[in-house]
């Protein structure tokens, strides 16, 4: 991805907060800050979308590499 598509925030808060959100470890205060950043800054929204695309792609690669059937479907 070109670097101009994913501009970095000055203090790195956006990526740290996005990571905490993806991990399910974000606090209420952090979530409020993430929402405020995203609501106020179009570039931050683009960066968040790009981060989520990368996160989703990595997760798909990892999960796709594992042979796992949902327990209720099982193999016959």
Protein backbone atom coordinates (compact mmCIF):
# COMPACT_ATOMS: atom_id res chain seq x y z
CA UNK A 1 0.00 0.00 0.00
CA UNK A 2 1.44 3.43 -0.83
CA UNK A 3 2.59 5.36 2.20
CA UNK A 4 0.51 8.42 1.25
CA UNK A 5 -2.63 6.23 1.58
CA UNK A 6 -1.85 5.51 5.25
CA UNK A 7 -0.69 8.78 6.81
CA UNK A 8 0.50 8.43 10.38
CA UNK A 9 -1.07 10.46 13.16
CA UNK A 10 1.30 12.70 15.08
CA UNK A 11 1.17 10.76 18.33
CA UNK A 12 0.29 7.29 17.06
CA UNK A 13 -2.91 7.18 19.11
CA UNK A 14 -5.07 6.11 16.19
CA UNK A 15 -3.17 2.91 15.46
CA UNK A 16 -2.82 2.06 19.14
CA UNK A 17 -6.56 2.56 19.66
CA UNK A 18 -7.45 0.64 16.50
CA UNK A 19 -5.27 -2.23 17.67
CA UNK A 20 -6.91 -2.23 21.11
CA UNK A 21 -10.34 -2.22 19.46
CA UNK A 22 -9.43 -5.18 17.21
CA UNK A 23 -8.07 -7.09 20.22
CA UNK A 24 -11.24 -6.42 22.24
CA UNK A 25 -9.09 -4.71 24.85
CA UNK A 26 -10.24 -1.11 24.39
CA UNK A 27 -11.51 0.75 27.44
CA UNK A 28 -14.59 2.99 27.39
CA UNK A 29 -12.34 6.08 27.54
CA UNK A 30 -10.20 4.80 24.67
CA UNK A 31 -13.28 3.98 22.60
CA UNK A 32 -14.58 7.51 23.15
CA UNK A 33 -11.22 8.90 22.03
CA UNK A 34 -11.18 6.64 18.93
CA UNK A 35 -14.69 7.77 17.99
CA UNK A 36 -13.70 11.42 18.48
CA UNK A 37 -10.60 11.05 16.30
CA UNK A 38 -12.54 9.29 13.55
CA UNK A 39 -15.40 11.77 13.72
CA UNK A 40 -13.12 14.78 13.41
CA UNK A 41 -10.54 13.72 10.83
CA UNK A 42 -11.14 12.36 7.35
CA UNK A 43 -7.50 11.25 7.02
CA UNK A 44 -7.82 9.32 10.29
CA UNK A 45 -10.90 7.56 8.88
CA UNK A 46 -8.93 6.54 5.78
CA UNK A 47 -6.07 5.32 7.94
CA UNK A 48 -8.48 3.34 10.14
CA UNK A 49 -10.09 1.71 7.07
CA UNK A 50 -6.65 0.78 5.70
CA UNK A 51 -5.63 -0.64 9.08
CA UNK A 52 -8.80 -2.72 9.25
CA UNK A 53 -8.21 -4.05 5.73
CA UNK A 54 -4.70 -5.16 6.71
CA UNK A 55 -5.95 -6.64 9.99
CA UNK A 56 -8.74 -8.51 8.22
CA UNK A 57 -6.36 -9.78 5.55
CA UNK A 58 -3.93 -11.11 8.11
CA UNK A 59 -6.71 -12.75 10.08
CA UNK A 60 -8.06 -14.36 6.91
CA UNK A 61 -4.62 -15.71 6.04
CA UNK A 62 -4.11 -17.19 9.51
CA UNK A 63 -7.60 -18.67 9.86
CA UNK A 64 -7.62 -19.84 6.26
CA UNK A 65 -4.42 -21.79 6.89
CA UNK A 66 -5.97 -23.76 9.73
CA UNK A 67 -8.22 -26.73 8.99
CA UNK A 68 -11.19 -25.99 11.19
CA UNK A 69 -14.78 -27.01 10.82
CA UNK A 70 -17.43 -25.42 12.99
CA UNK A 71 -18.25 -27.96 15.72
CA UNK A 72 -21.91 -28.19 14.71
CA UNK A 73 -21.01 -29.18 11.13
CA UNK A 74 -18.25 -31.71 11.76
CA UNK A 75 -16.84 -34.06 9.15
CA UNK A 76 -18.50 -37.26 8.09
